PDB file of N, CA and C in Angstrom:
ATOM      1  N   MET A   1       0.834  -1.186   0.000  1.00  0.00           N
ATOM      2  CA  MET A   1       0.000   0.000   0.000  1.00  0.00           C
ATOM      3  C   MET A   1       0.876   1.246   0.000  1.00  0.00           C
ATOM      4  N   THR A   2       0.514   2.235  -0.794  1.00  0.00           N
ATOM      5  CA  THR A   2       1.262   3.475  -0.875  1.00  0.00           C
ATOM      6  C   THR A   2       0.392   4.609  -0.363  1.00  0.00           C
ATOM      7  N   THR A   3       0.946   5.416   0.534  1.00  0.00           N
ATOM      8  CA  THR A   3       0.257   6.614   0.995  1.00  0.00           C
ATOM      9  C   THR A   3       1.216   7.776   0.910  1.00  0.00           C
ATOM     10  N   MET A   4       0.672   8.994   0.831  1.00  0.00           N
ATOM     11  CA  MET A   4       1.499  10.166   0.705  1.00  0.00           C
ATOM     12  C   MET A   4       0.899  11.299   1.524  1.00  0.00           C
ATOM     13  N   THR A   5       1.766  12.042   2.192  1.00  0.00           N
ATOM     14  CA  THR A   5       1.338  13.192   2.962  1.00  0.00           C
ATOM     15  C   THR A   5       2.173  14.388   2.545  1.00  0.00           C
ATOM     16  N   GLN A   6       1.523  15.488   2.258  1.00  0.00           N
ATOM     17  CA  GLN A   6       2.234  16.719   1.943  1.00  0.00           C
ATOM     18  C   GLN A   6       1.309  17.886   2.200  1.00  0.00           C
ATOM     19  N   ASP A   7       1.918  19.053   2.386  1.00  0.00           N
ATOM     20  CA  ASP A   7       1.125  20.242   2.664  1.00  0.00           C
ATOM     21  C   ASP A   7       0.493  20.821   1.400  1.00  0.00           C
ATOM     22  N   ALA A   8       1.264  20.872   0.324  1.00  0.00           N
ATOM     23  CA  ALA A   8       0.764  21.467  -0.911  1.00  0.00           C
ATOM     24  C   ALA A   8       0.057  20.404  -1.735  1.00  0.00           C
ATOM     25  N   ALA A   9      -1.250  20.350  -1.653  1.00  0.00           N
ATOM     26  CA  ALA A   9      -2.028  19.311  -2.320  1.00  0.00           C
ATOM     27  C   ALA A   9      -1.953  19.421  -3.835  1.00  0.00           C
ATOM     28  N   THR A  10      -1.556  20.568  -4.360  1.00  0.00           N
ATOM     29  CA  THR A  10      -1.480  20.740  -5.803  1.00  0.00           C
ATOM     30  C   THR A  10      -0.162  20.235  -6.385  1.00  0.00           C
ATOM     31  N   THR A  11       0.829  19.942  -5.564  1.00  0.00           N
ATOM     32  CA  THR A  11       2.122  19.466  -6.032  1.00  0.00           C
ATOM     33  C   THR A  11       2.105  17.952  -6.142  1.00  0.00           C
ATOM     34  N   PRO A  12       2.480  17.399  -7.317  1.00  0.00           N
ATOM     35  CA  PRO A  12       2.557  15.940  -7.393  1.00  0.00           C
ATOM     36  C   PRO A  12       3.621  15.429  -6.441  1.00  0.00           C
ATOM     37  N   GLY A  13       3.408  14.253  -5.923  1.00  0.00           N
ATOM     38  CA  GLY A  13       4.348  13.696  -4.969  1.00  0.00           C
ATOM     39  C   GLY A  13       5.425  12.863  -5.622  1.00  0.00           C
ATOM     40  N   VAL A  14       6.022  12.018  -4.812  1.00  0.00           N
ATOM     41  CA  VAL A  14       7.042  11.077  -5.245  1.00  0.00           C
ATOM     42  C   VAL A  14       6.579   9.705  -4.788  1.00  0.00           C
ATOM     43  N   THR A  15       6.773   8.692  -5.635  1.00  0.00           N
ATOM     44  CA  THR A  15       6.325   7.348  -5.322  1.00  0.00           C
ATOM     45  C   THR A  15       7.508   6.458  -4.968  1.00  0.00           C
ATOM     46  N   LEU A  16       7.375   5.688  -3.918  1.00  0.00           N
ATOM     47  CA  LEU A  16       8.363   4.690  -3.527  1.00  0.00           C
ATOM     48  C   LEU A  16       7.851   3.337  -4.018  1.00  0.00           C
ATOM     49  N   ALA A  17       8.532   2.761  -4.994  1.00  0.00           N
ATOM     50  CA  ALA A  17       8.112   1.478  -5.566  1.00  0.00           C
ATOM     51  C   ALA A  17       8.319   0.358  -4.548  1.00  0.00           C
ATOM     52  N   PRO A  18       7.530  -0.716  -4.651  1.00  0.00           N
ATOM     53  CA  PRO A  18       7.702  -1.846  -3.732  1.00  0.00           C
ATOM     54  C   PRO A  18       9.119  -2.416  -3.717  1.00  0.00           C
ATOM     55  N   SER A  19       9.810  -2.412  -4.861  1.00  0.00           N
ATOM     56  CA  SER A  19      11.189  -2.924  -4.902  1.00  0.00           C
ATOM     57  C   SER A  19      12.106  -2.089  -4.019  1.00  0.00           C
ATOM     58  N   ALA A  20      11.939  -0.768  -4.037  1.00  0.00           N
ATOM     59  CA  ALA A  20      12.748   0.120  -3.202  1.00  0.00           C
ATOM     60  C   ALA A  20      12.358  -0.021  -1.734  1.00  0.00           C
ATOM     61  N   ALA A  21      11.062  -0.145  -1.472  1.00  0.00           N
ATOM     62  CA  ALA A  21      10.601  -0.303  -0.087  1.00  0.00           C
ATOM     63  C   ALA A  21      11.192  -1.567   0.534  1.00  0.00           C
ATOM     64  N   ALA A  22      11.217  -2.657  -0.236  1.00  0.00           N
ATOM     65  CA  ALA A  22      11.767  -3.915   0.277  1.00  0.00           C
ATOM     66  C   ALA A  22      13.254  -3.778   0.582  1.00  0.00           C
ATOM     67  N   ARG A  23      13.988  -3.099  -0.279  1.00  0.00           N
ATOM     68  CA  ARG A  23      15.431  -2.917  -0.053  1.00  0.00           C
ATOM     69  C   ARG A  23      15.692  -2.035   1.157  1.00  0.00           C
ATOM     70  N   VAL A  24      14.943  -0.950   1.311  1.00  0.00           N
ATOM     71  CA  VAL A  24      15.103  -0.077   2.477  1.00  0.00           C
ATOM     72  C   VAL A  24      14.793  -0.848   3.754  1.00  0.00           C
ATOM     73  N   ALA A  25      13.739  -1.653   3.733  1.00  0.00           N
ATOM     74  CA  ALA A  25      13.377  -2.446   4.911  1.00  0.00           C
ATOM     75  C   ALA A  25      14.510  -3.400   5.284  1.00  0.00           C
ATOM     76  N   ALA A  26      15.145  -4.026   4.288  1.00  0.00           N
ATOM     77  CA  ALA A  26      16.258  -4.946   4.550  1.00  0.00           C
ATOM     78  C   ALA A  26      17.459  -4.216   5.140  1.00  0.00           C
ATOM     79  N   ILE A  27      17.792  -3.057   4.587  1.00  0.00           N
ATOM     80  CA  ILE A  27      18.915  -2.264   5.104  1.00  0.00           C
ATOM     81  C   ILE A  27      18.621  -1.809   6.529  1.00  0.00           C
ATOM     82  N   ALA A  28      17.410  -1.317   6.756  1.00  0.00           N
ATOM     83  CA  ALA A  28      17.030  -0.831   8.086  1.00  0.00           C
ATOM     84  C   ALA A  28      17.106  -1.949   9.121  1.00  0.00           C
ATOM     85  N   ALA A  29      16.671  -3.148   8.743  1.00  0.00           N
ATOM     86  CA  ALA A  29      16.712  -4.276   9.670  1.00  0.00           C
ATOM     87  C   ALA A  29      18.153  -4.625  10.042  1.00  0.00           C
ATOM     88  N   LYS A  30      19.055  -4.613   9.061  1.00  0.00           N
ATOM     89  CA  LYS A  30      20.471  -4.909   9.328  1.00  0.00           C
ATOM     90  C   LYS A  30      21.108  -3.863  10.240  1.00  0.00           C
ATOM     91  N   GLN A  31      20.676  -2.607  10.104  1.00  0.00           N
ATOM     92  CA  GLN A  31      21.256  -1.510  10.874  1.00  0.00           C
ATOM     93  C   GLN A  31      20.466  -1.195  12.137  1.00  0.00           C
ATOM     94  N   SER A  32      19.401  -1.943  12.399  1.00  0.00           N
ATOM     95  CA  SER A  32      18.518  -1.686  13.552  1.00  0.00           C
ATOM     96  C   SER A  32      18.053  -0.238  13.582  1.00  0.00           C
ATOM     97  N   ARG A  33      17.559   0.217  12.443  1.00  0.00           N
ATOM     98  CA  ARG A  33      17.070   1.594  12.284  1.00  0.00           C
ATOM     99  C   ARG A  33      15.632   1.557  11.802  1.00  0.00           C
ATOM    100  N   PRO A  34      14.941   2.700  11.866  1.00  0.00           N
ATOM    101  CA  PRO A  34      13.599   2.767  11.274  1.00  0.00           C
ATOM    102  C   PRO A  34      13.702   2.612   9.751  1.00  0.00           C
ATOM    103  N   ALA A  35      12.664   2.078   9.135  1.00  0.00           N
ATOM    104  CA  ALA A  35      12.631   1.882   7.683  1.00  0.00           C
ATOM    105  C   ALA A  35      12.237   3.198   7.015  1.00  0.00           C
ATOM    106  N   VAL A  36      13.216   4.105   6.948  1.00  0.00           N
ATOM    107  CA  VAL A  36      12.990   5.447   6.409  1.00  0.00           C
ATOM    108  C   VAL A  36      14.149   5.790   5.468  1.00  0.00           C
ATOM    109  N   LEU A  37      13.817   6.197   4.244  1.00  0.00           N
ATOM    110  CA  LEU A  37      14.808   6.626   3.261  1.00  0.00           C
ATOM    111  C   LEU A  37      14.591   8.102   2.969  1.00  0.00           C
ATOM    112  N   ARG A  38      15.663   8.871   3.003  1.00  0.00           N
ATOM    113  CA  ARG A  38      15.589  10.288   2.657  1.00  0.00           C
ATOM    114  C   ARG A  38      16.212  10.471   1.279  1.00  0.00           C
ATOM    115  N   LEU A  39      15.465  11.166   0.402  1.00  0.00           N
ATOM    116  CA  LEU A  39      15.942  11.514  -0.936  1.00  0.00           C
ATOM    117  C   LEU A  39      16.038  13.028  -1.019  1.00  0.00           C
ATOM    118  N   ALA A  40      17.202  13.504  -1.438  1.00  0.00           N
ATOM    119  CA  ALA A  40      17.409  14.936  -1.619  1.00  0.00           C
ATOM    120  C   ALA A  40      18.049  15.176  -2.980  1.00  0.00           C
ATOM    121  N   VAL A  41      17.932  16.396  -3.470  1.00  0.00           N
ATOM    122  CA  VAL A  41      18.586  16.802  -4.708  1.00  0.00           C
ATOM    123  C   VAL A  41      19.603  17.864  -4.344  1.00  0.00           C
ATOM    124  N   GLU A  42      20.834  17.674  -4.832  1.00  0.00           N
ATOM    125  CA  GLU A  42      21.915  18.625  -4.573  1.00  0.00           C
ATOM    126  C   GLU A  42      22.495  19.089  -5.904  1.00  0.00           C
ATOM    127  N   GLY A  43      23.110  20.271  -5.896  1.00  0.00           N
ATOM    128  CA  GLY A  43      23.830  20.728  -7.069  1.00  0.00           C
ATOM    129  C   GLY A  43      25.057  19.875  -7.264  1.00  0.00           C
ATOM    130  N   GLY A  44      25.393  19.594  -8.521  1.00  0.00           N
ATOM    131  CA  GLY A  44      26.593  18.804  -8.804  1.00  0.00           C
ATOM    132  C   GLY A  44      26.305  17.697  -9.783  1.00  0.00           C
ATOM    133  N   GLY A  45      27.232  16.770  -9.859  1.00  0.00           N
ATOM    134  CA  GLY A  45      27.089  15.689 -10.822  1.00  0.00           C
ATOM    135  C   GLY A  45      27.434  16.180 -12.210  1.00  0.00           C
ATOM    136  N   CYS A  46      27.449  15.297 -13.171  1.00  0.00           N
ATOM    137  CA  CYS A  46      27.846  15.690 -14.526  1.00  0.00           C
ATOM    138  C   CYS A  46      26.726  16.393 -15.292  1.00  0.00           C
ATOM    139  N   SER A  47      25.510  16.403 -14.756  1.00  0.00           N
ATOM    140  CA  SER A  47      24.399  17.038 -15.472  1.00  0.00           C
ATOM    141  C   SER A  47      23.813  18.255 -14.760  1.00  0.00           C
ATOM    142  N   GLY A  48      24.331  18.631 -13.598  1.00  0.00           N
ATOM    143  CA  GLY A  48      23.858  19.831 -12.917  1.00  0.00           C
ATOM    144  C   GLY A  48      23.252  19.583 -11.552  1.00  0.00           C
ATOM    145  N   PHE A  49      22.449  18.510 -11.419  1.00  0.00           N
ATOM    146  CA  PHE A  49      21.857  18.124 -10.137  1.00  0.00           C
ATOM    147  C   PHE A  49      22.125  16.642  -9.920  1.00  0.00           C
ATOM    148  N   GLN A  50      22.202  16.243  -8.658  1.00  0.00           N
ATOM    149  CA  GLN A  50      22.382  14.827  -8.376  1.00  0.00           C
ATOM    150  C   GLN A  50      21.476  14.394  -7.237  1.00  0.00           C
ATOM    151  N   TYR A  51      21.097  13.130  -7.271  1.00  0.00           N
ATOM    152  CA  TYR A  51      20.256  12.544  -6.231  1.00  0.00           C
ATOM    153  C   TYR A  51      21.131  12.105  -5.072  1.00  0.00           C
ATOM    154  N   LYS A  52      20.650  12.322  -3.860  1.00  0.00           N
ATOM    155  CA  LYS A  52      21.369  11.883  -2.670  1.00  0.00           C
ATOM    156  C   LYS A  52      20.402  11.047  -1.829  1.00  0.00           C
ATOM    157  N   PHE A  53      20.794   9.816  -1.541  1.00  0.00           N
ATOM    158  CA  PHE A  53      19.999   8.911  -0.719  1.00  0.00           C
ATOM    159  C   PHE A  53      20.711   8.686   0.601  1.00  0.00           C
ATOM    160  N   GLU A  54      19.950   8.643   1.693  1.00  0.00           N
ATOM    161  CA  GLU A  54      20.498   8.255   2.984  1.00  0.00           C
ATOM    162  C   GLU A  54      19.371   7.726   3.856  1.00  0.00           C
ATOM    163  N   MET A  55      19.737   6.881   4.786  1.00  0.00           N
ATOM    164  CA  MET A  55      18.746   6.384   5.734  1.00  0.00           C
ATOM    165  C   MET A  55      18.344   7.553   6.614  1.00  0.00           C
ATOM    166  N   GLY A  56      17.049   7.660   6.924  1.00  0.00           N
ATOM    167  CA  GLY A  56      16.543   8.784   7.694  1.00  0.00           C
ATOM    168  C   GLY A  56      15.954   8.339   9.014  1.00  0.00           C
ATOM    169  N   ASP A  57      15.434   9.299   9.728  1.00  0.00           N
ATOM    170  CA  ASP A  57      14.780   9.027  11.007  1.00  0.00           C
ATOM    171  C   ASP A  57      13.373   9.613  10.970  1.00  0.00           C
ATOM    172  N   ALA A  58      13.223  10.798  11.502  1.00  0.00           N
ATOM    173  CA  ALA A  58      11.913  11.450  11.564  1.00  0.00           C
ATOM    174  C   ALA A  58      11.816  12.521  10.480  1.00  0.00           C
ATOM    175  N   PRO A  59      10.618  12.747   9.947  1.00  0.00           N
ATOM    176  CA  PRO A  59      10.460  13.794   8.939  1.00  0.00           C
ATOM    177  C   PRO A  59      10.626  15.187   9.536  1.00  0.00           C
ATOM    178  N   GLU A  60      11.126  16.095   8.711  1.00  0.00           N
ATOM    179  CA  GLU A  60      11.196  17.514   9.061  1.00  0.00           C
ATOM    180  C   GLU A  60       9.829  18.125   8.757  1.00  0.00           C
ATOM    181  N   ALA A  61       9.611  19.352   9.218  1.00  0.00           N
ATOM    182  CA  ALA A  61       8.308  20.002   9.076  1.00  0.00           C
ATOM    183  C   ALA A  61       7.877  20.166   7.617  1.00  0.00           C
ATOM    184  N   ASP A  62       8.833  20.406   6.690  1.00  0.00           N
ATOM    185  CA  ASP A  62       8.461  20.660   5.299  1.00  0.00           C
ATOM    186  C   ASP A  62       8.624  19.437   4.395  1.00  0.00           C
ATOM    187  N   ASP A  63       8.834  18.260   4.971  1.00  0.00           N
ATOM    188  CA  ASP A  63       9.025  17.054   4.173  1.00  0.00           C
ATOM    189  C   ASP A  63       7.731  16.505   3.601  1.00  0.00           C
ATOM    190  N   LEU A  64       7.818  16.000   2.370  1.00  0.00           N
ATOM    191  CA  LEU A  64       6.783  15.145   1.819  1.00  0.00           C
ATOM    192  C   LEU A  64       7.102  13.761   2.370  1.00  0.00           C
ATOM    193  N   VAL A  65       6.084  13.040   2.807  1.00  0.00           N
ATOM    194  CA  VAL A  65       6.262  11.685   3.308  1.00  0.00           C
ATOM    195  C   VAL A  65       5.439  10.750   2.444  1.00  0.00           C
ATOM    196  N   ALA A  66       6.109   9.849   1.734  1.00  0.00           N
ATOM    197  CA  ALA A  66       5.431   8.809   0.955  1.00  0.00           C
ATOM    198  C   ALA A  66       5.698   7.498   1.662  1.00  0.00           C
ATOM    199  N   GLU A  67       4.687   6.629   1.716  1.00  0.00           N
ATOM    200  CA  GLU A  67       4.861   5.360   2.412  1.00  0.00           C
ATOM    201  C   GLU A  67       4.383   4.211   1.543  1.00  0.00           C
ATOM    202  N   THR A  68       5.202   3.166   1.480  1.00  0.00           N
ATOM    203  CA  THR A  68       4.875   1.951   0.747  1.00  0.00           C
ATOM    204  C   THR A  68       5.252   0.761   1.618  1.00  0.00           C
ATOM    205  N   ASP A  69       4.309  -0.112   1.874  1.00  0.00           N
ATOM    206  CA  ASP A  69       4.547  -1.329   2.647  1.00  0.00           C
ATOM    207  C   ASP A  69       5.225  -1.044   3.993  1.00  0.00           C
ATOM    208  N   GLY A  70       4.848   0.058   4.632  1.00  0.00           N
ATOM    209  CA  GLY A  70       5.389   0.396   5.946  1.00  0.00           C
ATOM    210  C   GLY A  70       6.731   1.103   5.915  1.00  0.00           C
ATOM    211  N   VAL A  71       7.289   1.354   4.734  1.00  0.00           N
ATOM    212  CA  VAL A  71       8.564   2.050   4.584  1.00  0.00           C
ATOM    213  C   VAL A  71       8.271   3.485   4.153  1.00  0.00           C
ATOM    214  N   ARG A  72       8.951   4.429   4.790  1.00  0.00           N
ATOM    215  CA  ARG A  72       8.705   5.844   4.494  1.00  0.00           C
ATOM    216  C   ARG A  72       9.814   6.437   3.642  1.00  0.00           C
ATOM    217  N   LEU A  73       9.424   7.258   2.670  1.00  0.00           N
ATOM    218  CA  LEU A  73      10.341   8.033   1.848  1.00  0.00           C
ATOM    219  C   LEU A  73      10.128   9.493   2.210  1.00  0.00           C
ATOM    220  N   LEU A  74      11.202  10.187   2.582  1.00  0.00           N
ATOM    221  CA  LEU A  74      11.132  11.600   2.947  1.00  0.00           C
ATOM    222  C   LEU A  74      11.811  12.426   1.865  1.00  0.00           C
ATOM    223  N   VAL A  75      11.141  13.507   1.439  1.00  0.00           N
ATOM    224  CA  VAL A  75      11.699  14.425   0.447  1.00  0.00           C
ATOM    225  C   VAL A  75      11.436  15.838   0.930  1.00  0.00           C
ATOM    226  N   ASP A  76      12.503  16.655   1.034  1.00  0.00           N
ATOM    227  CA  ASP A  76      12.324  18.037   1.479  1.00  0.00           C
ATOM    228  C   ASP A  76      11.655  18.863   0.386  1.00  0.00           C
ATOM    229  N   ALA A  77      11.056  19.978   0.769  1.00  0.00           N
ATOM    230  CA  ALA A  77      10.265  20.807  -0.152  1.00  0.00           C
ATOM    231  C   ALA A  77      11.088  21.341  -1.324  1.00  0.00           C
ATOM    232  N   MET A  78      12.339  21.731  -1.084  1.00  0.00           N
ATOM    233  CA  MET A  78      13.181  22.255  -2.167  1.00  0.00           C
ATOM    234  C   MET A  78      13.464  21.169  -3.203  1.00  0.00           C
ATOM    235  N   SER A  79      13.784  19.974  -2.749  1.00  0.00           N
ATOM    236  CA  SER A  79      14.065  18.867  -3.663  1.00  0.00           C
ATOM    237  C   SER A  79      12.806  18.461  -4.419  1.00  0.00           C
ATOM    238  N   LEU A  80      11.667  18.503  -3.746  1.00  0.00           N
ATOM    239  CA  LEU A  80      10.417  18.087  -4.362  1.00  0.00           C
ATOM    240  C   LEU A  80      10.107  18.898  -5.615  1.00  0.00           C
ATOM    241  N   GLU A  81      10.483  20.173  -5.626  1.00  0.00           N
ATOM    242  CA  GLU A  81      10.243  20.996  -6.814  1.00  0.00           C
ATOM    243  C   GLU A  81      10.940  20.425  -8.051  1.00  0.00           C
ATOM    244  N   LEU A  82      12.071  19.734  -7.847  1.00  0.00           N
ATOM    245  CA  LEU A  82      12.851  19.196  -8.960  1.00  0.00           C
ATOM    246  C   LEU A  82      12.519  17.750  -9.305  1.00  0.00           C
ATOM    247  N   ILE A  83      11.769  17.065  -8.424  1.00  0.00           N
ATOM    248  CA  ILE A  83      11.480  15.647  -8.680  1.00  0.00           C
ATOM    249  C   ILE A  83       9.998  15.298  -8.536  1.00  0.00           C
ATOM    250  N   ALA A  84       9.142  16.301  -8.512  1.00  0.00           N
ATOM    251  CA  ALA A  84       7.706  16.037  -8.380  1.00  0.00           C
ATOM    252  C   ALA A  84       7.242  15.077  -9.465  1.00  0.00           C
ATOM    253  N   GLY A  85       6.499  14.063  -9.059  1.00  0.00           N
ATOM    254  CA  GLY A  85       5.993  13.066  -9.989  1.00  0.00           C
ATOM    255  C   GLY A  85       6.938  11.895 -10.216  1.00  0.00           C
ATOM    256  N   ALA A  86       8.100  11.907  -9.555  1.00  0.00           N
ATOM    257  CA  ALA A  86       9.104  10.862  -9.759  1.00  0.00           C
ATOM    258  C   ALA A  86       8.744   9.561  -9.034  1.00  0.00           C
ATOM    259  N   THR A  87       9.372   8.479  -9.488  1.00  0.00           N
ATOM    260  CA  THR A  87       9.253   7.171  -8.850  1.00  0.00           C
ATOM    261  C   THR A  87      10.644   6.690  -8.478  1.00  0.00           C
ATOM    262  N   VAL A  88      10.791   6.203  -7.244  1.00  0.00           N
ATOM    263  CA  VAL A  88      12.056   5.644  -6.769  1.00  0.00           C
ATOM    264  C   VAL A  88      11.923   4.131  -6.764  1.00  0.00           C
ATOM    265  N   GLU A  89      12.816   3.466  -7.498  1.00  0.00           N
ATOM    266  CA  GLU A  89      12.826   2.006  -7.589  1.00  0.00           C
ATOM    267  C   GLU A  89      14.181   1.480  -7.139  1.00  0.00           C
ATOM    268  N   TYR A  90      14.247   0.203  -6.848  1.00  0.00           N
ATOM    269  CA  TYR A  90      15.518  -0.463  -6.600  1.00  0.00           C
ATOM    270  C   TYR A  90      15.696  -1.452  -7.737  1.00  0.00           C
ATOM    271  N   VAL A  91      16.817  -1.339  -8.473  1.00  0.00           N
ATOM    272  CA  VAL A  91      17.025  -2.120  -9.675  1.00  0.00           C
ATOM    273  C   VAL A  91      18.318  -2.922  -9.548  1.00  0.00           C
ATOM    274  N   GLU A  92      18.239  -4.201  -9.888  1.00  0.00           N
ATOM    275  CA  GLU A  92      19.419  -5.061  -9.925  1.00  0.00           C
ATOM    276  C   GLU A  92      19.659  -5.473 -11.366  1.00  0.00           C
ATOM    277  N   SER A  93      20.925  -5.339 -11.817  1.00  0.00           N
ATOM    278  CA  SER A  93      21.285  -5.721 -13.177  1.00  0.00           C
ATOM    279  C   SER A  93      22.704  -6.265 -13.176  1.00  0.00           C
ATOM    280  N   LEU A  94      23.203  -6.643 -14.336  1.00  0.00           N
ATOM    281  CA  LEU A  94      24.579  -7.137 -14.437  1.00  0.00           C
ATOM    282  C   LEU A  94      25.583  -6.075 -14.010  1.00  0.00           C
ATOM    283  N   GLY A  95      25.238  -4.819 -14.200  1.00  0.00           N
ATOM    284  CA  GLY A  95      26.126  -3.717 -13.835  1.00  0.00           C
ATOM    285  C   GLY A  95      26.119  -3.385 -12.359  1.00  0.00           C
ATOM    286  N   GLY A  96      25.222  -3.987 -11.589  1.00  0.00           N
ATOM    287  CA  GLY A  96      25.147  -3.718 -10.161  1.00  0.00           C
ATOM    288  C   GLY A  96      23.714  -3.467  -9.731  1.00  0.00           C
ATOM    289  N   ALA A  97      23.567  -3.055  -8.502  1.00  0.00           N
ATOM    290  CA  ALA A  97      22.246  -2.773  -7.938  1.00  0.00           C
ATOM    291  C   ALA A  97      22.253  -1.363  -7.369  1.00  0.00           C
ATOM    292  N   ALA A  98      21.137  -0.656  -7.528  1.00  0.00           N
ATOM    293  CA  ALA A  98      21.073   0.729  -7.054  1.00  0.00           C
ATOM    294  C   ALA A  98      19.632   1.209  -7.013  1.00  0.00           C
ATOM    295  N   PHE A  99      19.419   2.280  -6.251  1.00  0.00           N
ATOM    296  CA  PHE A  99      18.146   2.981  -6.301  1.00  0.00           C
ATOM    297  C   PHE A  99      18.154   3.807  -7.580  1.00  0.00           C
ATOM    298  N   ARG A 100      17.035   3.810  -8.293  1.00  0.00           N
ATOM    299  CA  ARG A 100      16.915   4.571  -9.532  1.00  0.00           C
ATOM    300  C   ARG A 100      15.707   5.483  -9.427  1.00  0.00           C
ATOM    301  N   VAL A 101      15.876   6.731  -9.864  1.00  0.00           N
ATOM    302  CA  VAL A 101      14.794   7.707  -9.857  1.00  0.00           C
ATOM    303  C   VAL A 101      14.349   7.925 -11.299  1.00  0.00           C
ATOM    304  N   THR A 102      13.072   7.667 -11.572  1.00  0.00           N
ATOM    305  CA  THR A 102      12.479   8.000 -12.862  1.00  0.00           C
ATOM    306  C   THR A 102      11.800   9.345 -12.657  1.00  0.00           C
ATOM    307  N   ASN A 103      12.409  10.390 -13.205  1.00  0.00           N
ATOM    308  CA  ASN A 103      12.020  11.764 -12.912  1.00  0.00           C
ATOM    309  C   ASN A 103      11.446  12.445 -14.151  1.00  0.00           C
ATOM    310  N   PRO A 104      10.142  12.726 -14.156  1.00  0.00           N
ATOM    311  CA  PRO A 104       9.543  13.402 -15.317  1.00  0.00           C
ATOM    312  C   PRO A 104       9.997  14.856 -15.460  1.00  0.00           C
ATOM    313  N   GLN A 105      10.602  15.429 -14.430  1.00  0.00           N
ATOM    314  CA  GLN A 105      11.100  16.813 -14.486  1.00  0.00           C
ATOM    315  C   GLN A 105      12.440  16.915 -15.217  1.00  0.00           C
ATOM    316  N   ALA A 106      13.171  15.798 -15.311  1.00  0.00           N
ATOM    317  CA  ALA A 106      14.515  15.812 -15.886  1.00  0.00           C
ATOM    318  C   ALA A 106      14.465  15.967 -17.403  1.00  0.00           C
ATOM    319  N   ALA A 107      15.182  16.971 -17.906  1.00  0.00           N
ATOM    320  CA  ALA A 107      15.286  17.173 -19.347  1.00  0.00           C
ATOM    321  C   ALA A 107      16.359  16.262 -19.934  1.00  0.00           C
ATOM    322  N   SER A 108      17.388  15.965 -19.147  1.00  0.00           N
ATOM    323  CA  SER A 108      18.448  15.058 -19.571  1.00  0.00           C
ATOM    324  C   SER A 108      19.110  14.487 -18.337  1.00  0.00           C
ATOM    325  N   GLY A 109      19.892  13.446 -18.525  1.00  0.00           N
ATOM    326  CA  GLY A 109      20.579  12.821 -17.407  1.00  0.00           C
ATOM    327  C   GLY A 109      21.897  12.238 -17.861  1.00  0.00           C
ATOM    328  N   CYS A 110      22.673  11.777 -16.901  1.00  0.00           N
ATOM    329  CA  CYS A 110      23.960  11.183 -17.236  1.00  0.00           C
ATOM    330  C   CYS A 110      23.777   9.684 -17.471  1.00  0.00           C
ATOM    331  N   GLY A 111      24.809   9.037 -17.946  1.00  0.00           N
ATOM    332  CA  GLY A 111      24.746   7.623 -18.259  1.00  0.00           C
ATOM    333  C   GLY A 111      24.495   6.737 -17.053  1.00  0.00           C
ATOM    334  N   CYS A 112      25.009   7.122 -15.872  1.00  0.00           N
ATOM    335  CA  CYS A 112      24.838   6.277 -14.694  1.00  0.00           C
ATOM    336  C   CYS A 112      23.506   6.511 -14.000  1.00  0.00           C
ATOM    337  N   GLY A 113      22.793   7.570 -14.353  1.00  0.00           N
ATOM    338  CA  GLY A 113      21.477   7.828 -13.780  1.00  0.00           C
ATOM    339  C   GLY A 113      21.482   8.520 -12.442  1.00  0.00           C
ATOM    340  N   SER A 114      22.647   8.979 -11.990  1.00  0.00           N
ATOM    341  CA  SER A 114      22.686   9.620 -10.668  1.00  0.00           C
ATOM    342  C   SER A 114      22.619  11.139 -10.737  1.00  0.00           C
ATOM    343  N   SER A 115      22.678  11.718 -11.936  1.00  0.00           N
ATOM    344  CA  SER A 115      22.536  13.160 -12.042  1.00  0.00           C
ATOM    345  C   SER A 115      21.616  13.508 -13.220  1.00  0.00           C
ATOM    346  N   PHE A 116      21.099  14.736 -13.188  1.00  0.00           N
ATOM    347  CA  PHE A 116      20.132  15.152 -14.209  1.00  0.00           C
ATOM    348  C   PHE A 116      20.152  16.663 -14.349  1.00  0.00           C
ATOM    349  N   SER A 117      19.511  17.160 -15.398  1.00  0.00           N
ATOM    350  CA  SER A 117      19.310  18.587 -15.578  1.00  0.00           C
ATOM    351  C   SER A 117      17.841  18.845 -15.854  1.00  0.00           C
ATOM    352  N   VAL A 118      17.394  20.066 -15.596  1.00  0.00           N
ATOM    353  CA  VAL A 118      16.007  20.435 -15.839  1.00  0.00           C
ATOM    354  C   VAL A 118      15.929  21.544 -16.862  1.00  0.00           C
TER     355      VAL A 118
END
């Protein structure tokens, strides 16, 4: 089940796919932490902006909170402007495994998928 909480009802949210929720839950269990992933956007990377993932704790006052299968995804308001409508997945391939953001706001991205431009 996916739920989302945000203050600005007119802003599209961010979706945490079940594959990402399962991976966050596994990491959290190993680290004895809450099943919370924080996604932020920072300047940098080869395309102008880059995604930053880290295990989180409690949401800040301006965070969007998306929940899937009991796992929470936190996104701050500034980052949300650049990734509204995005989906966060966990993908395993021959090249490795990673969280991947499918971002409809991105005009272009780099080959590894960790940075983008708008």
